[in-house]
Amino acid sequence: MRDLTYPPIIVAAKTAFKLLDLTFEITGDEHVPSSGGAVLAVNHISYVDFIFGGFATQRAKRLVRFMAKRELFDHKYPGPLMRSLHHIQVDREDGTGSFQTTLDYLADGEVVGVFPEATISRSFELKAFKTGTVRLAAEAGVPIIPLILWGTQRMYTKDHPRDFSRGKTLSLTVGEPLTVTTKDNAVAQTARLRSQMADMLDRTIREYTDHEDGAWWVPRAYGGTAPTLEEADRLDAEEKRRRAEARRATRQQRKAR
């Protein structure tokens, strides 16, 4: 797979990291394989997670092809960039095509980035996981590499203004590979993956050097003021309802023309 865009994008990203005076706390990145297909399972707390998720594989000199919603590819600005980086568009209404495309990528030895929660967690704790991550890895016969990001929510996330001020610390914790097969129960193995990543997240939060009690970006269980999982679920449901109403209104306007 030819990558004309990815190398200069990485250089530009590293330059931006220096300008932002970011401090990276990276642990476990030796678990990223230097060759062969793998599924990188990443927690989702920010709109910029795909940028920093890809940074976790730099030691192994691997490029990550992220699965992302189709709307990003349809947009006139990020769309061409997403396609040039060979990311994988996902149709939330019908994911059959993207599943097969991802299997093809994995068979070709690519690292594919997946967000098992599917959407950003407003509580910054782990939401429920979809089984697709496990099913992909099992079908392709590749390992799952769990990755926890922390600190990215301080830059750009739901319900809060963007903040790209200098001097933030970002933690990237890579866990030991998880091996699954088609003989395994996908639901049970998904619970196993979530449990492993929950332990990693707990450790990462507790060891985070920039921790601030009472901060909006810290989970309630760790002394912050972020929504609880239950409150976040309610906010997610309200957002989903508003989007559905907006889509219905758009369809009605089109019919009226």
C-alpha atoms as a PDB file:
ATOM      1  CA  MET A   1       0.000   0.000   0.000  1.00  0.00           C
ATOM      2  CA  ARG A   2       1.580   3.274  -1.131  1.00  0.00           C
ATOM      3  CA  ASP A   3       1.656   6.045   1.445  1.00  0.00           C
ATOM      4  CA  LEU A   4       2.370   9.428  -0.084  1.00  0.00           C
ATOM      5  CA  THR A   5       0.445  11.412   2.536  1.00  0.00           C
ATOM      6  CA  TYR A   6       1.123   9.575   5.793  1.00  0.00           C
ATOM      7  CA  PRO A   7       4.898  10.325   6.177  1.00  0.00           C
ATOM      8  CA  PRO A   8       4.567  14.120   5.811  1.00  0.00           C
ATOM      9  CA  ILE A   9       1.493  14.070   8.065  1.00  0.00           C
ATOM     10  CA  ILE A  10       3.548  12.359  10.777  1.00  0.00           C
ATOM     11  CA  VAL A  11       6.299  14.966  10.431  1.00  0.00           C
ATOM     12  CA  ALA A  12       3.705  17.763  10.636  1.00  0.00           C
ATOM     13  CA  ALA A  13       2.086  16.152  13.683  1.00  0.00           C
ATOM     14  CA  LYS A  14       5.397  15.825  15.527  1.00  0.00           C
ATOM     15  CA  THR A  15       6.164  19.461  14.747  1.00  0.00           C
ATOM     16  CA  ALA A  16       2.774  20.450  16.170  1.00  0.00           C
ATOM     17  CA  PHE A  17       3.443  18.373  19.290  1.00  0.00           C
ATOM     18  CA  LYS A  18       6.666  20.333  19.862  1.00  0.00           C
ATOM     19  CA  LEU A  19       4.944  23.662  19.306  1.00  0.00           C
ATOM     20  CA  LEU A  20       2.278  22.648  21.819  1.00  0.00           C
ATOM     21  CA  ASP A  21       5.031  21.592  24.244  1.00  0.00           C
ATOM     22  CA  LEU A  22       3.313  18.242  24.834  1.00  0.00           C
ATOM     23  CA  THR A  23       4.834  15.774  27.259  1.00  0.00           C
ATOM     24  CA  PHE A  24       4.248  12.107  26.406  1.00  0.00           C
ATOM     25  CA  GLU A  25       4.180   9.354  29.010  1.00  0.00           C
ATOM     26  CA  ILE A  26       4.325   6.190  26.890  1.00  0.00           C
ATOM     27  CA  THR A  27       4.503   2.722  28.423  1.00  0.00           C
ATOM     28  CA  GLY A  28       4.211  -0.756  26.931  1.00  0.00           C
ATOM     29  CA  ASP A  29       4.741   0.240  23.300  1.00  0.00           C
ATOM     30  CA  GLU A  30       7.104  -2.719  22.950  1.00  0.00           C
ATOM     31  CA  HIS A  31       3.915  -4.792  22.696  1.00  0.00           C
ATOM     32  CA  VAL A  32       3.173  -3.361  19.237  1.00  0.00           C
ATOM     33  CA  PRO A  33       4.380  -5.976  16.710  1.00  0.00           C
ATOM     34  CA  SER A  34       6.983  -4.817  14.197  1.00  0.00           C
ATOM     35  CA  SER A  35       5.251  -6.714  11.390  1.00  0.00           C
ATOM     36  CA  GLY A  36       2.021  -8.539  10.591  1.00  0.00           C
ATOM     37  CA  GLY A  37      -1.594  -7.624  11.032  1.00  0.00           C
ATOM     38  CA  ALA A  38      -2.988  -6.477  14.369  1.00  0.00           C
ATOM     39  CA  VAL A  39      -6.083  -4.773  15.757  1.00  0.00           C
ATOM     40  CA  LEU A  40      -5.291  -1.750  17.912  1.00  0.00           C
ATOM     41  CA  ALA A  41      -8.172  -1.358  20.400  1.00  0.00           C
ATOM     42  CA  VAL A  42      -8.308   2.218  21.705  1.00  0.00           C
ATOM     43  CA  ASN A  43     -10.484   3.889  24.337  1.00  0.00           C
ATOM     44  CA  HIS A  44     -12.366   6.929  23.059  1.00  0.00           C
ATOM     45  CA  ILE A  45     -12.360  10.180  25.042  1.00  0.00           C
ATOM     46  CA  SER A  46     -11.570  12.830  22.439  1.00  0.00           C
ATOM     47  CA  TYR A  47     -12.008  13.910  18.829  1.00  0.00           C
ATOM     48  CA  VAL A  48      -8.209  13.763  18.398  1.00  0.00           C
ATOM     49  CA  ASP A  49      -7.742  10.198  19.659  1.00  0.00           C
ATOM     50  CA  PHE A  50      -6.948   8.850  16.198  1.00  0.00           C
ATOM     51  CA  ILE A  51      -3.949  11.206  15.974  1.00  0.00           C
ATOM     52  CA  PHE A  52      -2.425  10.126  19.253  1.00  0.00           C
ATOM     53  CA  GLY A  53      -3.516   6.511  18.899  1.00  0.00           C
ATOM     54  CA  GLY A  54      -1.345   6.336  15.807  1.00  0.00           C
ATOM     55  CA  PHE A  55       1.556   7.881  17.717  1.00  0.00           C
ATOM     56  CA  ALA A  56       1.635   4.867  20.065  1.00  0.00           C
ATOM     57  CA  THR A  57       2.972   2.663  17.253  1.00  0.00           C
ATOM     58  CA  GLN A  58       5.914   4.873  16.271  1.00  0.00           C
ATOM     59  CA  ARG A  59       8.479   2.785  18.134  1.00  0.00           C
ATOM     60  CA  ALA A  60       7.532  -0.205  15.974  1.00  0.00           C
ATOM     61  CA  LYS A  61       7.443   2.051  12.887  1.00  0.00           C
ATOM     62  CA  ARG A  62       3.880   1.004  12.075  1.00  0.00           C
ATOM     63  CA  LEU A  63       1.147   3.044  10.425  1.00  0.00           C
ATOM     64  CA  VAL A  64      -2.381   2.671  11.747  1.00  0.00           C
ATOM     65  CA  ARG A  65      -5.481   2.540   9.516  1.00  0.00           C
ATOM     66  CA  PHE A  66      -8.381   3.696  11.655  1.00  0.00           C
ATOM     67  CA  MET A  67     -11.990   2.683  11.213  1.00  0.00           C
ATOM     68  CA  ALA A  68     -14.064   5.883  11.223  1.00  0.00           C
ATOM     69  CA  LYS A  69     -17.644   6.899  10.533  1.00  0.00           C
ATOM     70  CA  ARG A  70     -18.588   7.518   6.909  1.00  0.00           C
ATOM     71  CA  GLU A  71     -19.567  11.134   7.613  1.00  0.00           C
ATOM     72  CA  LEU A  72     -15.885  12.057   8.000  1.00  0.00           C
ATOM     73  CA  PHE A  73     -15.147  10.703   4.538  1.00  0.00           C
ATOM     74  CA  ASP A  74     -18.127  12.533   3.059  1.00  0.00           C
ATOM     75  CA  HIS A  75     -16.953  15.902   4.398  1.00  0.00           C
ATOM     76  CA  LYS A  76     -15.123  18.008   1.808  1.00  0.00           C
ATOM     77  CA  TYR A  77     -12.221  18.872   4.110  1.00  0.00           C
ATOM     78  CA  PRO A  78     -11.264  15.769   6.149  1.00  0.00           C
ATOM     79  CA  GLY A  79     -12.639  13.343   3.545  1.00  0.00           C
ATOM     80  CA  PRO A  80      -9.759  13.511   1.018  1.00  0.00           C
ATOM     81  CA  LEU A  81      -7.213  13.332   3.835  1.00  0.00           C
ATOM     82  CA  MET A  82      -8.880  10.292   5.415  1.00  0.00           C
ATOM     83  CA  ARG A  83      -8.889   8.491   2.089  1.00  0.00           C
ATOM     84  CA  SER A  84      -5.264   9.386   1.332  1.00  0.00           C
ATOM     85  CA  LEU A  85      -4.235   7.890   4.686  1.00  0.00           C
ATOM     86  CA  HIS A  86      -6.108   4.691   3.759  1.00  0.00           C
ATOM     87  CA  HIS A  87      -8.388   4.807   6.763  1.00  0.00           C
ATOM     88  CA  ILE A  88     -11.539   2.696   6.614  1.00  0.00           C
ATOM     89  CA  GLN A  89     -14.979   4.264   6.373  1.00  0.00           C
ATOM     90  CA  VAL A  90     -17.752   2.650   8.377  1.00  0.00           C
ATOM     91  CA  ASP A  91     -21.423   2.883   7.511  1.00  0.00           C
ATOM     92  CA  ARG A  92     -23.211   2.625  10.853  1.00  0.00           C
ATOM     93  CA  GLU A  93     -26.375   1.445   9.113  1.00  0.00           C
ATOM     94  CA  ASP A  94     -24.606  -1.403   7.299  1.00  0.00           C
ATOM     95  CA  GLY A  95     -21.091  -2.348   8.407  1.00  0.00           C
ATOM     96  CA  THR A  96     -20.747  -5.447   6.208  1.00  0.00           C
ATOM     97  CA  GLY A  97     -18.573  -3.756   3.596  1.00  0.00           C
ATOM     98  CA  SER A  98     -16.238  -2.134   6.110  1.00  0.00           C
ATOM     99  CA  PHE A  99     -15.858  -5.429   7.996  1.00  0.00           C
ATOM    100  CA  GLN A 100     -14.620  -7.180   4.856  1.00  0.00           C
ATOM    101  CA  THR A 101     -12.371  -4.261   3.922  1.00  0.00           C
ATOM    102  CA  THR A 102     -10.816  -4.405   7.387  1.00  0.00           C
ATOM    103  CA  LEU A 103     -10.240  -8.150   7.079  1.00  0.00           C
ATOM    104  CA  ASP A 104      -8.451  -7.491   3.780  1.00  0.00           C
ATOM    105  CA  TYR A 105      -6.250  -4.872   5.440  1.00  0.00           C
ATOM    106  CA  LEU A 106      -5.380  -7.236   8.285  1.00  0.00           C
ATOM    107  CA  ALA A 107      -4.599 -10.046   5.824  1.00  0.00           C
ATOM    108  CA  ASP A 108      -2.192  -7.644   4.113  1.00  0.00           C
ATOM    109  CA  GLY A 109      -0.357  -7.134   7.412  1.00  0.00           C
ATOM    110  CA  GLU A 110      -1.794  -3.739   8.351  1.00  0.00           C
ATOM    111  CA  VAL A 111      -2.449  -2.419  11.868  1.00  0.00           C
ATOM    112  CA  VAL A 112      -6.094  -1.369  12.093  1.00  0.00           C
ATOM    113  CA  GLY A 113      -7.249   1.030  14.803  1.00  0.00           C
ATOM    114  CA  VAL A 114     -10.667   0.381  16.338  1.00  0.00           C
ATOM    115  CA  PHE A 115     -12.656   2.169  19.040  1.00  0.00           C
ATOM    116  CA  PRO A 116     -14.626  -0.653  20.742  1.00  0.00           C
ATOM    117  CA  GLU A 117     -16.914   1.887  22.448  1.00  0.00           C
ATOM    118  CA  ALA A 118     -17.872   3.286  19.002  1.00  0.00           C
ATOM    119  CA  THR A 119     -18.455   6.800  20.415  1.00  0.00           C
ATOM    120  CA  ILE A 120     -16.688   9.223  22.745  1.00  0.00           C
ATOM    121  CA  SER A 121     -17.202   8.564  26.450  1.00  0.00           C
ATOM    122  CA  ARG A 122     -18.477  11.671  28.205  1.00  0.00           C
ATOM    123  CA  SER A 123     -17.593  10.148  31.603  1.00  0.00           C
ATOM    124  CA  PHE A 124     -14.037   9.390  30.381  1.00  0.00           C
ATOM    125  CA  GLU A 125     -14.499   5.886  31.771  1.00  0.00           C
ATOM    126  CA  LEU A 126     -15.085   2.908  29.502  1.00  0.00           C
ATOM    127  CA  LYS A 127     -18.509   2.587  27.922  1.00  0.00           C
ATOM    128  CA  ALA A 128     -19.932  -0.773  26.844  1.00  0.00           C
ATOM    129  CA  PHE A 129     -17.834  -2.453  24.124  1.00  0.00           C
ATOM    130  CA  LYS A 130     -19.138  -3.657  20.782  1.00  0.00           C
ATOM    131  CA  THR A 131     -18.084  -7.197  19.809  1.00  0.00           C
ATOM    132  CA  GLY A 132     -16.742  -6.146  16.405  1.00  0.00           C
ATOM    133  CA  THR A 133     -13.153  -5.725  17.640  1.00  0.00           C
ATOM    134  CA  VAL A 134     -12.970  -9.309  18.859  1.00  0.00           C
ATOM    135  CA  ARG A 135     -14.766 -10.694  15.812  1.00  0.00           C
ATOM    136  CA  LEU A 136     -12.350  -8.922  13.456  1.00  0.00           C
ATOM    137  CA  ALA A 137      -9.257 -10.204  15.254  1.00  0.00           C
ATOM    138  CA  ALA A 138     -10.623 -13.734  15.500  1.00  0.00           C
ATOM    139  CA  GLU A 139     -11.640 -13.901  11.843  1.00  0.00           C
ATOM    140  CA  ALA A 140      -8.300 -12.472  10.659  1.00  0.00           C
ATOM    141  CA  GLY A 141      -6.215 -14.526  13.091  1.00  0.00           C
ATOM    142  CA  VAL A 142      -4.355 -11.488  14.442  1.00  0.00           C
ATOM    143  CA  PRO A 143      -3.729 -10.208  17.989  1.00  0.00           C
ATOM    144  CA  ILE A 144      -5.592  -7.381  19.690  1.00  0.00           C
ATOM    145  CA  ILE A 145      -3.281  -4.693  21.073  1.00  0.00           C
ATOM    146  CA  PRO A 146      -5.116  -2.681  23.786  1.00  0.00           C
ATOM    147  CA  LEU A 147      -4.258   1.010  24.071  1.00  0.00           C
ATOM    148  CA  ILE A 148      -5.372   3.522  26.680  1.00  0.00           C
ATOM    149  CA  LEU A 149      -5.134   7.235  25.951  1.00  0.00           C
ATOM    150  CA  TRP A 150      -5.359   9.809  28.719  1.00  0.00           C
ATOM    151  CA  GLY A 151      -5.168  13.583  28.562  1.00  0.00           C
ATOM    152  CA  THR A 152      -6.509  13.944  25.027  1.00  0.00           C
ATOM    153  CA  GLN A 153      -9.926  14.859  26.450  1.00  0.00           C
ATOM    154  CA  ARG A 154      -8.360  18.070  27.783  1.00  0.00           C
ATOM    155  CA  MET A 155      -7.757  19.199  24.201  1.00  0.00           C
ATOM    156  CA  TYR A 156     -10.980  18.498  22.300  1.00  0.00           C
ATOM    157  CA  THR A 157     -13.972  16.493  23.462  1.00  0.00           C
ATOM    158  CA  LYS A 158     -17.749  16.626  23.693  1.00  0.00           C
ATOM    159  CA  ASP A 159     -19.510  19.414  25.605  1.00  0.00           C
ATOM    160  CA  HIS A 160     -16.327  21.454  26.167  1.00  0.00           C
ATOM    161  CA  PRO A 161     -14.488  24.114  24.144  1.00  0.00           C
ATOM    162  CA  ARG A 162     -11.299  23.161  22.350  1.00  0.00           C
ATOM    163  CA  ASP A 163      -8.135  23.884  24.314  1.00  0.00           C
ATOM    164  CA  PHE A 164      -4.840  23.591  22.465  1.00  0.00           C
ATOM    165  CA  SER A 165      -2.885  25.625  24.976  1.00  0.00           C
ATOM    166  CA  ARG A 166       0.706  24.568  25.609  1.00  0.00           C
ATOM    167  CA  GLY A 167       2.206  22.290  28.217  1.00  0.00           C
ATOM    168  CA  LYS A 168      -0.231  19.398  28.548  1.00  0.00           C
ATOM    169  CA  THR A 169       0.787  15.839  29.398  1.00  0.00           C
ATOM    170  CA  LEU A 170      -0.624  12.894  27.446  1.00  0.00           C
ATOM    171  CA  SER A 171      -0.385   9.295  28.613  1.00  0.00           C
ATOM    172  CA  LEU A 172      -0.354   6.352  26.212  1.00  0.00           C
ATOM    173  CA  THR A 173      -0.475   2.916  27.813  1.00  0.00           C
ATOM    174  CA  VAL A 174      -0.135  -0.137  25.566  1.00  0.00           C
ATOM    175  CA  GLY A 175      -1.173  -3.476  27.045  1.00  0.00           C
ATOM    176  CA  GLU A 176      -0.159  -7.051  26.397  1.00  0.00           C
ATOM    177  CA  PRO A 177      -1.643  -8.575  23.223  1.00  0.00           C
ATOM    178  CA  LEU A 178      -4.876 -10.509  23.515  1.00  0.00           C
ATOM    179  CA  THR A 179      -5.265 -13.582  21.311  1.00  0.00           C
ATOM    180  CA  VAL A 180      -8.740 -14.719  20.265  1.00  0.00           C
ATOM    181  CA  THR A 181     -10.001 -17.356  17.850  1.00  0.00           C
ATOM    182  CA  THR A 182     -13.224 -18.038  15.987  1.00  0.00           C
ATOM    183  CA  LYS A 183     -13.911 -20.825  18.488  1.00  0.00           C
ATOM    184  CA  ASP A 184     -14.094 -18.313  21.345  1.00  0.00           C
ATOM    185  CA  ASN A 185     -17.310 -16.703  22.502  1.00  0.00           C
ATOM    186  CA  ALA A 186     -17.186 -13.138  21.141  1.00  0.00           C
ATOM    187  CA  VAL A 187     -19.234 -11.692  24.010  1.00  0.00           C
ATOM    188  CA  ALA A 188     -17.036 -13.329  26.658  1.00  0.00           C
ATOM    189  CA  GLN A 189     -13.826 -12.270  24.929  1.00  0.00           C
ATOM    190  CA  THR A 190     -15.142  -8.731  24.545  1.00  0.00           C
ATOM    191  CA  ALA A 191     -15.774  -8.646  28.303  1.00  0.00           C
ATOM    192  CA  ARG A 192     -12.227  -9.911  28.801  1.00  0.00           C
ATOM    193  CA  LEU A 193     -10.826  -7.132  26.597  1.00  0.00           C
ATOM    194  CA  ARG A 194     -12.861  -4.489  28.390  1.00  0.00           C
ATOM    195  CA  SER A 195     -11.716  -5.770  31.779  1.00  0.00           C
ATOM    196  CA  GLN A 196      -8.072  -5.608  30.699  1.00  0.00           C
ATOM    197  CA  MET A 197      -8.498  -2.079  29.364  1.00  0.00           C
ATOM    198  CA  ALA A 198     -10.404  -0.980  32.482  1.00  0.00           C
ATOM    199  CA  ASP A 199      -7.429  -2.082  34.623  1.00  0.00           C
ATOM    200  CA  MET A 200      -5.085  -0.220  32.289  1.00  0.00           C
ATOM    201  CA  LEU A 201      -7.226   2.923  32.439  1.00  0.00           C
ATOM    202  CA  ASP A 202      -7.353   2.804  36.232  1.00  0.00           C
ATOM    203  CA  ARG A 203      -3.566   2.540  36.434  1.00  0.00           C
ATOM    204  CA  THR A 204      -3.055   5.276  33.853  1.00  0.00           C
ATOM    205  CA  ILE A 205      -5.345   7.738  35.653  1.00  0.00           C
ATOM    206  CA  ARG A 206      -3.756   7.036  39.036  1.00  0.00           C
ATOM    207  CA  GLU A 207      -0.236   7.523  37.650  1.00  0.00           C
ATOM    208  CA  TYR A 208      -1.042  10.598  35.560  1.00  0.00           C
ATOM    209  CA  THR A 209       1.313  13.376  36.646  1.00  0.00           C
ATOM    210  CA  ASP A 210      -1.028  16.299  35.807  1.00  0.00           C
ATOM    211  CA  HIS A 211      -3.993  15.011  37.830  1.00  0.00           C
ATOM    212  CA  GLU A 212      -6.253  17.745  39.208  1.00  0.00           C
ATOM    213  CA  ASP A 213      -8.923  17.029  41.843  1.00  0.00           C
ATOM    214  CA  GLY A 214     -12.216  18.626  40.857  1.00  0.00           C
ATOM    215  CA  ALA A 215     -11.258  19.016  37.187  1.00  0.00           C
ATOM    216  CA  TRP A 216     -14.015  18.566  34.596  1.00  0.00           C
ATOM    217  CA  TRP A 217     -11.851  16.094  32.654  1.00  0.00           C
ATOM    218  CA  VAL A 218     -11.355  13.750  35.624  1.00  0.00           C
ATOM    219  CA  PRO A 219     -13.946  10.986  36.249  1.00  0.00           C
ATOM    220  CA  ARG A 220     -16.172  11.395  39.283  1.00  0.00           C
ATOM    221  CA  ALA A 221     -14.757   8.193  40.797  1.00  0.00           C
ATOM    222  CA  TYR A 222     -11.271   9.761  40.768  1.00  0.00           C
ATOM    223  CA  GLY A 223     -12.167  13.075  42.388  1.00  0.00           C
ATOM    224  CA  GLY A 224     -13.241  14.963  39.277  1.00  0.00           C
ATOM    225  CA  THR A 225     -16.512  16.456  38.113  1.00  0.00           C
ATOM    226  CA  ALA A 226     -17.046  14.594  34.835  1.00  0.00           C
ATOM    227  CA  PRO A 227     -20.476  12.991  34.385  1.00  0.00           C
ATOM    228  CA  THR A 228     -20.971   9.566  35.894  1.00  0.00           C
ATOM    229  CA  LEU A 229     -21.491   6.668  33.498  1.00  0.00           C
ATOM    230  CA  GLU A 230     -25.234   6.894  34.154  1.00  0.00           C
ATOM    231  CA  GLU A 231     -25.328  10.647  33.535  1.00  0.00           C
ATOM    232  CA  ALA A 232     -23.226  10.204  30.394  1.00  0.00           C
ATOM    233  CA  ASP A 233     -25.644   7.555  29.090  1.00  0.00           C
ATOM    234  CA  ARG A 234     -28.526  10.007  29.567  1.00  0.00           C
ATOM    235  CA  LEU A 235     -26.636  12.746  27.704  1.00  0.00           C
ATOM    236  CA  ASP A 236     -25.821  10.289  24.901  1.00  0.00           C
ATOM    237  CA  ALA A 237     -29.485   9.324  24.599  1.00  0.00           C
ATOM    238  CA  GLU A 238     -30.519  12.977  24.421  1.00  0.00           C
ATOM    239  CA  GLU A 239     -27.913  13.664  21.740  1.00  0.00           C
ATOM    240  CA  LYS A 240     -29.075  10.646  19.736  1.00  0.00           C
ATOM    241  CA  ARG A 241     -32.675  11.833  19.941  1.00  0.00           C
ATOM    242  CA  ARG A 242     -31.751  15.358  18.787  1.00  0.00           C
ATOM    243  CA  ARG A 243     -29.827  13.974  15.818  1.00  0.00           C
ATOM    244  CA  ALA A 244     -32.720  11.719  14.847  1.00  0.00           C
ATOM    245  CA  GLU A 245     -35.106  14.692  14.994  1.00  0.00           C
ATOM    246  CA  ALA A 246     -32.715  16.772  12.876  1.00  0.00           C
ATOM    247  CA  ARG A 247     -32.516  14.008  10.260  1.00  0.00           C
ATOM    248  CA  ARG A 248     -36.313  13.736  10.136  1.00  0.00           C
ATOM    249  CA  ALA A 249     -36.624  17.493   9.738  1.00  0.00           C
ATOM    250  CA  THR A 250     -34.090  17.452   6.905  1.00  0.00           C
ATOM    251  CA  ARG A 251     -35.971  14.670   5.107  1.00  0.00           C
ATOM    252  CA  GLN A 252     -39.256  16.544   5.471  1.00  0.00           C
ATOM    253  CA  GLN A 253     -37.706  19.725   4.059  1.00  0.00           C
ATOM    254  CA  ARG A 254     -36.400  17.802   1.060  1.00  0.00           C
ATOM    255  CA  LYS A 255     -39.814  16.276   0.402  1.00  0.00           C
ATOM    256  CA  ALA A 256     -41.451  19.684   0.632  1.00  0.00           C
ATOM    257  CA  ARG A 257     -39.225  21.120  -2.112  1.00  0.00           C
END
